[in-house]
Amino acid sequence: MKETGRHKEHRARMEIFWGLLGVVLTIGIIFLAIYFNDELKDVANISGYGLAGMFLLAFITSSTFSAIPIPVPYWILTIILPNILAPMCGIWAPVWVALVTAFAASLGQFSTFLVGYGGSSSLSKRISRRFSPEIYERSSAWINKAGSKAVFLMSFFPNPLSLPMTLVIALLKYKPYKFLLHSFLGLLLRSAILAFSGYYFADILLDWIDKYQSGDLISSPLFIAAIVIAGVILAIGIWQLVVWILEIRDKNLKYRNAVAYAKKTGKPLLVVGGPWGIKSFRRMLNKPAHGNGDVCLDIDRRAIEGHPCAVVASCTDIPFDDKTFGAVFSSHVLEHMPTTDAAKHALLEMGRVADASFIAYPSRQSIAAWIIRDHHIWIWQKRGKTYLKQRHTGVNKEQIIVETAGTGS
């Protein structure tokens, strides 16, 4: 027991130490940001300082508590600087730039981690949850599962959620030295890619710009490539907009049909899957995804909060007698089930408690449907049948067919 008490006391002292170190680093970043305010806002000027300027810019701007807005991110200098240093350092220029950038940026990121690690856990949770409770919960689950890989990937891929994710990692009491090591490795790989790209290709890009800036820009390969890329992006955007509109139309039509069917039978309408979801923006904008129905069921209370007949339960175990409802409506629920067997069971449960089922689901043409991680099932309906197919590898992908004749399919 004494050893346990001493261990807890030692850990508490270490957390205070790391927290104080984070505060010192943050104060240092703020001081440097204010002192070099003018230089930091002029990338051309700070590039004249060479690696020292690179270190200063990366260290200050990589901290999520940076005190001043920098108009150009530090990775721009990571691309430019190797060419400036090439006459002196040769092929070593991008190597030194990548190392200095990664070391400085990881220190800046480390300062944020330390503030969360040794500071108030309630404050860190509040900061993280302000972005989105869903992001906080998913980040916690992912970091717990992935560990060091999560820190590496968070550092390698630029993302706007660096602050809440760093604080979540700190709240989970991830080892400080491990965080510093893996964030450095992630930033090093990213910086090396940028630095070597700048070293080998910046001259080509600048030559193209110089060649065509006074000539016929429209006929330049760079302009044509840009137009083609912009056209492809625009076409994809329009295509996805049409897919999204058709999905909304299908969902709204099925909800109206469900309401009419329930009214015709004289029984209530059950909605499976709360219209508010767990995303706070729907509440803020007062835009539910669909109607409430007479009774609304969801596994998460937040999605059905405020409904007069809200039921917290799973769609695989609906707590009502057979044929209690005239119709059941479910929108974008089944694809989140872990397996096709679970989705089939949910469909059978809906068919048990209601005379008719109306199911809305994401289109297989939707890019969002492909990239959302917790979309585990593909669903489509044809000629009175609902088809279920597992998406991810390593799982039985046998197609399951559920008879849903006359149920809005």
Protein backbone atom coordinates (compact mmCIF):
# COMPACT_ATOMS: atom_id res chain seq x y z
CA MET A 1 0.00 0.00 0.00
CA LYS A 2 2.86 2.38 0.86
CA GLU A 3 4.50 1.65 -2.48
CA THR A 4 1.23 2.40 -4.25
CA GLY A 5 0.90 5.68 -2.34
CA ARG A 6 4.49 6.66 -3.14
CA HIS A 7 3.92 5.76 -6.78
CA LYS A 8 0.83 7.98 -6.95
CA GLU A 9 2.68 10.81 -5.22
CA HIS A 10 5.61 10.48 -7.63
CA ARG A 11 3.26 10.48 -10.63
CA ALA A 12 1.48 13.57 -9.32
CA ARG A 13 4.83 15.38 -8.94
CA MET A 14 5.85 14.37 -12.47
CA GLU A 15 2.55 15.63 -13.89
CA ILE A 16 3.09 18.98 -12.15
CA PHE A 17 6.65 19.10 -13.54
CA TRP A 18 5.52 18.39 -17.10
CA GLY A 19 2.70 20.91 -16.75
CA LEU A 20 5.09 23.63 -15.57
CA LEU A 21 7.46 22.79 -18.43
CA GLY A 22 4.54 23.18 -20.86
CA VAL A 23 3.68 26.57 -19.37
CA VAL A 24 7.32 27.70 -19.67
CA LEU A 25 7.47 26.58 -23.31
CA THR A 26 4.17 28.32 -24.05
CA ILE A 27 5.37 31.56 -22.44
CA GLY A 28 8.56 31.27 -24.51
CA ILE A 29 6.53 30.83 -27.69
CA ILE A 30 4.40 33.87 -26.88
CA PHE A 31 7.50 35.97 -26.15
CA LEU A 32 9.21 34.91 -29.40
CA ALA A 33 6.02 35.48 -31.37
CA ILE A 34 5.69 39.04 -30.06
CA TYR A 35 9.41 39.86 -30.35
CA PHE A 36 9.72 38.58 -33.94
CA ASN A 37 6.23 39.68 -34.96
CA ASP A 38 7.29 41.64 -38.08
CA GLU A 39 9.83 39.07 -39.27
CA LEU A 40 7.37 36.18 -38.94
CA LYS A 41 4.86 37.94 -41.16
CA ASP A 42 7.42 38.21 -43.96
CA VAL A 43 8.47 34.75 -45.13
CA ALA A 44 10.95 36.17 -47.65
CA ASN A 45 12.66 38.06 -44.83
CA ILE A 46 12.75 35.19 -42.35
CA SER A 47 14.10 32.81 -45.01
CA GLY A 48 17.22 34.98 -44.98
CA TYR A 49 17.93 33.69 -41.49
CA GLY A 50 18.35 30.20 -42.94
CA LEU A 51 17.86 27.25 -40.60
CA ALA A 52 17.53 29.55 -37.57
CA GLY A 53 14.59 31.30 -39.21
CA MET A 54 13.12 27.93 -40.16
CA PHE A 55 13.38 26.74 -36.55
CA LEU A 56 11.79 29.92 -35.19
CA LEU A 57 8.86 29.87 -37.62
CA ALA A 58 8.13 26.15 -37.18
CA PHE A 59 8.46 26.28 -33.40
CA ILE A 60 6.09 29.20 -32.96
CA THR A 61 3.43 28.38 -35.55
CA SER A 62 3.20 24.67 -34.71
CA SER A 63 1.96 25.43 -31.21
CA THR A 64 -1.82 25.50 -31.05
CA PHE A 65 -1.46 28.32 -28.48
CA SER A 66 0.49 30.54 -30.92
CA ALA A 67 -0.03 34.19 -29.98
CA ILE A 68 -0.03 35.79 -33.44
CA PRO A 69 -1.59 34.92 -36.79
CA ILE A 70 1.01 33.92 -39.42
CA PRO A 71 -0.25 34.59 -42.96
CA VAL A 72 1.83 31.80 -44.54
CA PRO A 73 2.20 28.36 -42.87
CA TYR A 74 5.72 27.22 -42.04
CA TRP A 75 5.61 24.34 -44.53
CA ILE A 76 5.85 26.92 -47.35
CA LEU A 77 9.31 27.83 -46.06
CA THR A 78 10.10 24.11 -45.79
CA ILE A 79 9.62 23.90 -49.57
CA ILE A 80 11.45 27.14 -50.41
CA LEU A 81 14.48 26.97 -48.09
CA PRO A 82 16.28 23.90 -49.57
CA ASN A 83 16.82 25.78 -52.84
CA ILE A 84 18.22 28.77 -50.95
CA LEU A 85 20.63 26.57 -49.00
CA ALA A 86 21.55 24.31 -51.94
CA PRO A 87 24.63 26.32 -53.06
CA MET A 88 26.15 25.84 -49.58
CA CYS A 89 24.84 22.43 -48.53
CA GLY A 90 24.05 20.62 -51.76
CA ILE A 91 21.92 17.48 -51.33
CA TRP A 92 22.14 17.91 -47.55
CA ALA A 93 20.00 21.07 -47.74
CA PRO A 94 16.61 19.28 -47.68
CA VAL A 95 17.91 16.88 -45.03
CA TRP A 96 18.86 19.70 -42.66
CA VAL A 97 15.66 21.59 -43.38
CA ALA A 98 13.53 18.50 -42.67
CA LEU A 99 15.38 17.74 -39.41
CA VAL A 100 15.22 21.32 -38.12
CA THR A 101 11.57 21.72 -39.11
CA ALA A 102 10.54 18.45 -37.50
CA PHE A 103 12.46 19.15 -34.29
CA ALA A 104 11.07 22.68 -33.93
CA ALA A 105 7.50 21.74 -34.85
CA SER A 106 7.47 18.75 -32.49
CA LEU A 107 8.67 21.00 -29.65
CA GLY A 108 5.88 23.47 -30.40
CA GLN A 109 3.32 20.67 -30.47
CA PHE A 110 4.86 19.20 -27.31
CA SER A 111 4.16 22.42 -25.40
CA THR A 112 0.43 21.99 -26.02
CA PHE A 113 0.60 18.36 -24.93
CA LEU A 114 2.36 19.27 -21.67
CA VAL A 115 -0.22 21.89 -20.75
CA GLY A 116 -2.94 19.25 -21.06
CA TYR A 117 -0.85 16.52 -19.40
CA GLY A 118 0.01 18.45 -16.27
CA GLY A 119 -2.89 20.91 -16.18
CA SER A 120 -6.52 20.66 -15.20
CA SER A 121 -8.15 17.61 -16.79
CA SER A 122 -11.59 19.23 -16.58
CA LEU A 123 -10.33 22.29 -18.47
CA SER A 124 -8.71 20.16 -21.15
CA LYS A 125 -11.91 18.13 -21.54
CA ARG A 126 -13.97 21.28 -21.90
CA ILE A 127 -11.61 22.64 -24.59
CA SER A 128 -11.70 19.33 -26.48
CA ARG A 129 -15.47 18.90 -26.20
CA ARG A 130 -16.11 22.44 -27.46
CA PHE A 131 -15.08 21.28 -30.93
CA SER A 132 -17.55 18.38 -30.86
CA PRO A 133 -18.47 15.73 -28.28
CA GLU A 134 -18.45 13.20 -31.13
CA ILE A 135 -14.89 14.18 -32.13
CA TYR A 136 -13.79 13.87 -28.49
CA GLU A 137 -15.30 10.40 -28.05
CA ARG A 138 -14.04 9.09 -31.40
CA SER A 139 -10.57 10.53 -30.83
CA SER A 140 -10.39 8.87 -27.40
CA ALA A 141 -11.44 5.51 -28.82
CA TRP A 142 -9.04 5.76 -31.78
CA ILE A 143 -6.08 6.87 -29.64
CA ASN A 144 -6.72 4.12 -27.08
CA LYS A 145 -6.74 1.57 -29.89
CA ALA A 146 -3.93 2.91 -32.10
CA GLY A 147 -1.56 4.34 -29.46
CA SER A 148 1.72 5.54 -30.96
CA LYS A 149 0.35 5.15 -34.48
CA ALA A 150 -2.30 7.78 -33.69
CA VAL A 151 0.34 10.30 -32.59
CA PHE A 152 2.42 9.60 -35.70
CA LEU A 153 -0.52 9.96 -38.11
CA MET A 154 -1.84 13.09 -36.37
CA SER A 155 1.59 14.69 -36.83
CA PHE A 156 2.11 13.48 -40.39
CA PHE A 157 -1.24 14.64 -41.78
CA PRO A 158 -2.04 18.35 -41.35
CA ASN A 159 -5.47 18.67 -39.73
CA PRO A 160 -7.60 21.37 -38.06
CA LEU A 161 -8.25 19.16 -35.02
CA SER A 162 -4.68 19.21 -33.72
CA LEU A 163 -5.60 21.01 -30.48
CA PRO A 164 -8.44 18.73 -29.26
CA MET A 165 -6.61 15.57 -30.36
CA THR A 166 -3.39 16.63 -28.60
CA LEU A 167 -5.33 17.38 -25.42
CA VAL A 168 -7.16 14.04 -25.64
CA ILE A 169 -3.80 12.25 -25.90
CA ALA A 170 -2.56 14.22 -22.88
CA LEU A 171 -5.70 13.41 -20.87
CA LEU A 172 -5.13 9.72 -21.54
CA LYS A 173 -1.77 10.17 -19.79
CA TYR A 174 0.23 9.04 -22.81
CA LYS A 175 3.95 9.03 -21.94
CA PRO A 176 5.46 12.48 -22.75
CA TYR A 177 8.67 11.07 -24.23
CA LYS A 178 6.63 8.74 -26.48
CA PHE A 179 4.47 11.64 -27.65
CA LEU A 180 7.57 13.73 -28.44
CA LEU A 181 9.27 10.84 -30.27
CA HIS A 182 6.34 9.80 -32.45
CA SER A 183 5.24 13.35 -33.21
CA PHE A 184 8.83 14.07 -34.28
CA LEU A 185 8.87 11.01 -36.56
CA GLY A 186 5.56 11.96 -38.17
CA LEU A 187 6.66 15.56 -38.69
CA LEU A 188 10.05 14.41 -39.98
CA LEU A 189 8.49 12.27 -42.70
CA ARG A 190 6.15 15.09 -43.74
CA SER A 191 8.95 17.68 -43.68
CA ALA A 192 11.27 15.41 -45.68
CA ILE A 193 8.65 14.99 -48.41
CA LEU A 194 8.12 18.76 -48.60
CA ALA A 195 11.81 19.63 -48.44
CA PHE A 196 12.90 17.17 -51.14
CA SER A 197 9.92 18.20 -53.31
CA GLY A 198 11.09 21.79 -53.03
CA TYR A 199 14.70 20.83 -53.69
CA TYR A 200 13.95 18.90 -56.89
CA PHE A 201 10.82 20.54 -58.27
CA ALA A 202 10.65 24.16 -57.06
CA ASP A 203 13.02 25.29 -59.84
CA ILE A 204 10.87 23.59 -62.49
CA LEU A 205 7.73 25.26 -61.18
CA LEU A 206 9.39 28.69 -60.98
CA ASP A 207 10.81 28.27 -64.50
CA TRP A 208 7.33 27.51 -65.86
CA ILE A 209 5.88 30.55 -64.14
CA ASP A 210 8.72 32.77 -65.38
CA LYS A 211 8.49 31.39 -68.91
CA TYR A 212 4.78 31.97 -69.36
CA GLN A 213 4.12 35.01 -67.19
CA SER A 214 4.99 37.40 -70.01
CA GLY A 215 3.83 35.11 -72.83
CA ASP A 216 0.65 33.30 -73.65
CA LEU A 217 -0.47 32.01 -70.27
CA ILE A 218 -3.51 30.23 -71.69
CA SER A 219 -1.35 27.92 -73.81
CA SER A 220 1.05 27.05 -70.98
CA PRO A 221 1.08 23.43 -69.75
CA LEU A 222 0.71 24.67 -66.17
CA PHE A 223 -2.46 26.61 -67.01
CA ILE A 224 -3.94 23.71 -68.98
CA ALA A 225 -3.17 21.27 -66.14
CA ALA A 226 -4.78 23.65 -63.64
CA ILE A 227 -7.92 23.96 -65.80
CA VAL A 228 -8.18 20.18 -66.19
CA ILE A 229 -7.79 19.63 -62.43
CA ALA A 230 -10.31 22.37 -61.65
CA GLY A 231 -12.74 20.87 -64.17
CA VAL A 232 -12.44 17.39 -62.65
CA ILE A 233 -12.97 18.78 -59.13
CA LEU A 234 -15.99 20.79 -60.30
CA ALA A 235 -17.50 17.77 -62.08
CA ILE A 236 -17.04 15.59 -58.98
CA GLY A 237 -18.56 18.33 -56.82
CA ILE A 238 -21.64 18.64 -59.05
CA TRP A 239 -22.02 14.85 -59.22
CA GLN A 240 -21.87 14.53 -55.42
CA LEU A 241 -24.33 17.41 -55.01
CA VAL A 242 -26.82 15.60 -57.25
CA VAL A 243 -26.29 12.34 -55.30
CA TRP A 244 -26.86 14.19 -52.02
CA ILE A 245 -30.05 15.86 -53.29
CA LEU A 246 -31.41 12.50 -54.50
CA GLU A 247 -30.64 10.92 -51.12
CA ILE A 248 -32.55 13.70 -49.32
CA ARG A 249 -35.47 13.38 -51.72
CA ASP A 250 -35.61 9.60 -51.21
CA LYS A 251 -35.49 10.01 -47.41
CA ASN A 252 -38.23 12.65 -47.34
CA LEU A 253 -40.44 10.61 -49.70
CA LYS A 254 -40.12 7.48 -47.57
CA TYR A 255 -40.91 9.43 -44.41
CA ARG A 256 -44.09 10.87 -45.96
CA ASN A 257 -45.08 7.39 -47.16
CA ALA A 258 -44.46 6.00 -43.67
CA VAL A 259 -46.64 8.72 -42.11
CA ALA A 260 -49.44 8.03 -44.63
CA TYR A 261 -49.22 4.24 -44.14
CA ALA A 262 -49.39 4.53 -40.34
CA LYS A 263 -52.33 6.92 -40.57
CA LYS A 264 -54.12 4.50 -42.89
CA THR A 265 -53.77 1.64 -40.38
CA GLY A 266 -54.81 3.82 -37.44
CA LYS A 267 -51.63 2.88 -35.54
CA PRO A 268 -48.70 5.09 -34.44
CA LEU A 269 -45.49 5.65 -36.43
CA LEU A 270 -42.18 4.45 -34.97
CA VAL A 271 -38.98 6.27 -36.01
CA VAL A 272 -35.79 4.29 -35.46
CA GLY A 273 -32.80 6.62 -35.26
CA GLY A 274 -33.26 10.05 -33.68
CA PRO A 275 -33.64 12.99 -36.08
CA TRP A 276 -31.06 15.07 -34.19
CA GLY A 277 -28.22 12.55 -34.31
CA ILE A 278 -25.32 13.28 -31.97
CA LYS A 279 -23.95 16.25 -33.93
CA SER A 280 -24.56 19.51 -32.08
CA PHE A 281 -24.84 21.57 -35.29
CA ARG A 282 -28.35 20.22 -35.97
CA ARG A 283 -29.55 21.56 -32.64
CA MET A 284 -27.84 24.88 -33.22
CA LEU A 285 -29.41 25.30 -36.66
CA ASN A 286 -32.72 23.71 -35.57
CA LYS A 287 -32.50 21.35 -38.56
CA PRO A 288 -33.49 17.76 -37.72
CA ALA A 289 -32.59 15.14 -40.31
CA HIS A 290 -36.22 14.00 -40.62
CA GLY A 291 -39.54 13.86 -38.75
CA ASN A 292 -40.00 12.60 -35.19
CA GLY A 293 -42.86 10.13 -35.62
CA ASP A 294 -45.17 9.27 -32.73
CA VAL A 295 -42.51 7.22 -30.94
CA CYS A 296 -38.76 7.73 -31.49
CA LEU A 297 -36.13 5.12 -30.63
CA ASP A 298 -32.35 5.50 -30.53
CA ILE A 299 -29.45 3.93 -28.65
CA ASP A 300 -28.08 7.42 -27.80
CA ARG A 301 -30.32 9.70 -25.71
CA ARG A 302 -28.88 12.85 -27.33
CA ALA A 303 -30.45 11.94 -30.68
CA ILE A 304 -33.99 11.85 -29.25
CA GLU A 305 -33.73 14.46 -26.52
CA GLY A 306 -36.91 16.54 -26.27
CA HIS A 307 -39.21 13.97 -27.90
CA PRO A 308 -42.38 13.35 -25.80
CA CYS A 309 -42.24 9.59 -26.49
CA ALA A 310 -38.49 8.92 -26.59
CA VAL A 311 -37.22 5.36 -26.07
CA VAL A 312 -33.55 4.54 -25.47
CA ALA A 313 -33.01 1.07 -26.93
CA SER A 314 -31.24 -0.83 -29.68
CA CYS A 315 -32.95 -1.46 -33.01
CA THR A 316 -31.96 -5.12 -32.65
CA ASP A 317 -34.09 -5.42 -29.51
CA ILE A 318 -37.11 -3.12 -29.86
CA PRO A 319 -39.14 -3.19 -26.59
CA PHE A 320 -42.64 -3.35 -28.13
CA ASP A 321 -45.14 -6.11 -28.89
CA ASP A 322 -45.73 -7.51 -32.36
CA LYS A 323 -47.47 -5.16 -34.81
CA THR A 324 -47.76 -2.31 -32.30
CA PHE A 325 -47.09 0.23 -35.04
CA GLY A 326 -48.61 0.88 -38.41
CA ALA A 327 -45.21 1.71 -39.89
CA VAL A 328 -41.57 2.13 -38.91
CA PHE A 329 -39.21 4.62 -40.55
CA SER A 330 -35.42 4.37 -40.28
CA SER A 331 -32.91 6.66 -41.98
CA HIS A 332 -29.15 6.03 -42.23
CA VAL A 333 -29.05 3.55 -39.36
CA LEU A 334 -28.45 0.08 -40.81
CA GLU A 335 -25.14 0.96 -42.48
CA HIS A 336 -23.69 1.61 -39.01
CA MET A 337 -24.44 -1.92 -37.80
CA PRO A 338 -21.23 -3.93 -37.30
CA THR A 339 -22.26 -6.95 -39.41
CA THR A 340 -24.87 -7.95 -41.97
CA ASP A 341 -26.31 -10.39 -39.44
CA ALA A 342 -26.93 -7.53 -37.01
CA ALA A 343 -28.48 -5.41 -39.78
CA LYS A 344 -30.70 -8.33 -40.81
CA HIS A 345 -31.80 -8.80 -37.21
CA ALA A 346 -32.65 -5.06 -36.98
CA LEU A 347 -34.73 -5.31 -40.16
CA LEU A 348 -36.60 -8.35 -38.82
CA GLU A 349 -37.24 -6.53 -35.52
CA MET A 350 -38.71 -3.55 -37.40
CA GLY A 351 -40.88 -5.93 -39.40
CA ARG A 352 -42.01 -7.62 -36.18
CA VAL A 353 -43.25 -4.46 -34.40
CA ALA A 354 -44.76 -2.72 -37.46
CA ASP A 355 -46.97 -3.55 -40.42
CA ALA A 356 -44.56 -1.86 -42.86
CA SER A 357 -40.95 -0.67 -42.83
CA PHE A 358 -39.53 2.30 -44.73
CA ILE A 359 -35.71 2.34 -44.87
CA ALA A 360 -33.49 5.18 -46.11
CA TYR A 361 -29.77 4.55 -46.69
CA PRO A 362 -26.70 6.16 -48.34
CA SER A 363 -26.12 5.75 -52.06
CA ARG A 364 -23.16 3.70 -53.22
CA GLN A 365 -22.33 6.62 -55.51
CA SER A 366 -21.71 8.88 -52.51
CA ILE A 367 -18.01 9.48 -51.82
CA ALA A 368 -18.87 10.30 -48.20
CA ALA A 369 -20.49 6.87 -47.82
CA TRP A 370 -17.21 5.26 -48.90
CA ILE A 371 -14.91 7.23 -46.59
CA ILE A 372 -16.97 7.34 -43.36
CA ARG A 373 -15.23 4.79 -41.13
CA ASP A 374 -18.29 3.46 -39.30
CA HIS A 375 -20.23 2.65 -42.48
CA HIS A 376 -19.91 -1.13 -42.28
CA ILE A 377 -22.79 -2.27 -44.50
CA TRP A 378 -23.91 -1.55 -48.06
CA ILE A 379 -27.69 -1.48 -48.39
CA TRP A 380 -29.90 -1.36 -51.46
CA GLN A 381 -33.48 -2.30 -52.23
CA LYS A 382 -34.97 -3.83 -55.35
CA ARG A 383 -38.34 -5.44 -56.16
CA GLY A 384 -39.50 -5.82 -52.57
CA LYS A 385 -36.16 -7.09 -51.24
CA THR A 386 -33.50 -5.43 -49.10
CA TYR A 387 -29.91 -6.43 -49.85
CA LEU A 388 -27.15 -6.26 -47.22
CA LYS A 389 -23.46 -6.68 -47.89
CA GLN A 390 -20.47 -6.31 -45.57
CA ARG A 391 -18.00 -3.67 -46.68
CA HIS A 392 -14.67 -4.19 -44.90
CA THR A 393 -12.08 -6.87 -45.51
CA GLY A 394 -11.50 -9.65 -43.05
CA VAL A 395 -15.26 -10.13 -42.54
CA ASN A 396 -17.66 -12.51 -44.24
CA LYS A 397 -18.93 -10.59 -47.28
CA GLU A 398 -21.73 -12.96 -48.16
CA GLN A 399 -24.73 -11.02 -49.44
CA ILE A 400 -27.88 -11.26 -47.30
CA ILE A 401 -31.37 -10.73 -48.72
CA VAL A 402 -34.34 -9.80 -46.53
CA GLU A 403 -37.88 -9.95 -47.88
CA THR A 404 -39.43 -6.49 -47.44
CA ALA A 405 -42.24 -6.63 -49.98
CA GLY A 406 -44.70 -3.75 -49.80
CA THR A 407 -42.61 -1.77 -47.28
CA GLY A 408 -41.51 1.26 -49.23
CA SER A 409 -38.63 -0.43 -50.98
